[in-house]
Amino acid sequence: MDKPGSLTAEIEALIEKHSTLDVLTAIECICGEKAEHIRHNWQDNLTARRWDQASRAAGKAARNVAV
């Protein structure tokens, strides 16, 4: 068991409160928005692509949970 207040414990609490699907969907959205922010404000396409990949991975995981 992780220590109270640890990142793992906080994520577990979010999942218990909202659901795995909701947490993964939120991560997908956050990563996608981060990619757009980096692309627009920093013109760093490599880093933006990495955030896009993370967004797609979270979306795929969310779709697998939803099935």
Protein backbone atom coordinates (compact mmCIF):
# COMPACT_ATOMS: atom_id res chain seq x y z
CA MET A 1 0.00 0.00 0.00
CA ASP A 2 1.27 3.46 -0.87
CA LYS A 3 1.69 6.21 1.67
CA PRO A 4 -1.28 8.55 2.07
CA GLY A 5 -0.71 11.65 -0.03
CA SER A 6 1.53 9.85 -2.53
CA LEU A 7 0.79 10.33 -6.20
CA THR A 8 -0.43 6.73 -6.48
CA ALA A 9 -2.77 7.18 -3.53
CA GLU A 10 -4.13 10.42 -4.99
CA ILE A 11 -4.78 8.81 -8.38
CA GLU A 12 -6.44 5.85 -6.69
CA ALA A 13 -8.72 8.24 -4.80
CA LEU A 14 -9.63 9.99 -8.07
CA ILE A 15 -10.48 6.66 -9.68
CA GLU A 16 -12.59 5.62 -6.68
CA LYS A 17 -14.43 8.95 -6.72
CA HIS A 18 -14.94 9.35 -10.48
CA SER A 19 -14.17 6.02 -12.27
CA THR A 20 -11.26 4.78 -14.30
CA LEU A 21 -12.98 5.86 -17.51
CA ASP A 22 -13.43 9.44 -16.29
CA VAL A 23 -9.83 9.73 -15.11
CA LEU A 24 -8.43 8.35 -18.38
CA THR A 25 -10.72 10.63 -20.40
CA ALA A 26 -9.52 13.63 -18.39
CA ILE A 27 -5.89 12.63 -18.97
CA GLU A 28 -6.59 12.30 -22.70
CA CYS A 29 -8.05 15.81 -22.77
CA ILE A 30 -5.26 17.35 -20.69
CA CYS A 31 -2.55 15.81 -22.85
CA GLY A 32 -4.24 16.98 -26.04
CA GLU A 33 -4.61 20.51 -24.69
CA LYS A 34 -0.98 20.50 -23.58
CA ALA A 35 0.09 19.44 -27.09
CA GLU A 36 -1.87 22.32 -28.64
CA HIS A 37 -0.47 24.80 -26.12
CA ILE A 38 3.12 23.72 -26.83
CA ARG A 39 2.55 23.71 -30.58
CA HIS A 40 0.97 27.17 -30.55
CA ASN A 41 3.09 28.96 -27.93
CA TRP A 42 6.47 27.28 -28.22
CA GLN A 43 6.44 25.99 -31.83
CA ASP A 44 7.99 22.78 -30.48
CA ASN A 45 6.46 20.13 -32.72
CA LEU A 46 8.52 17.26 -31.33
CA THR A 47 7.35 17.81 -27.76
CA ALA A 48 3.80 18.47 -28.98
CA ARG A 49 3.82 15.14 -30.84
CA ARG A 50 4.86 13.37 -27.64
CA TRP A 51 1.89 14.91 -25.81
CA ASP A 52 -0.36 13.91 -28.73
CA GLN A 53 0.92 10.34 -28.38
CA ALA A 54 0.15 10.40 -24.66
CA SER A 55 -3.33 11.72 -25.44
CA ARG A 56 -3.98 8.93 -27.93
CA ALA A 57 -2.66 6.29 -25.51
CA ALA A 58 -4.96 7.53 -22.73
CA GLY A 59 -7.87 7.61 -25.18
CA LYS A 60 -7.18 4.06 -26.29
CA ALA A 61 -6.99 2.93 -22.66
CA ALA A 62 -10.29 4.72 -21.94
CA ARG A 63 -11.98 2.99 -24.86
CA ASN A 64 -10.69 -0.39 -23.62
CA VAL A 65 -12.07 0.33 -20.14
CA ALA A 66 -15.42 1.37 -21.58
CA VAL A 67 -15.85 -1.93 -23.44
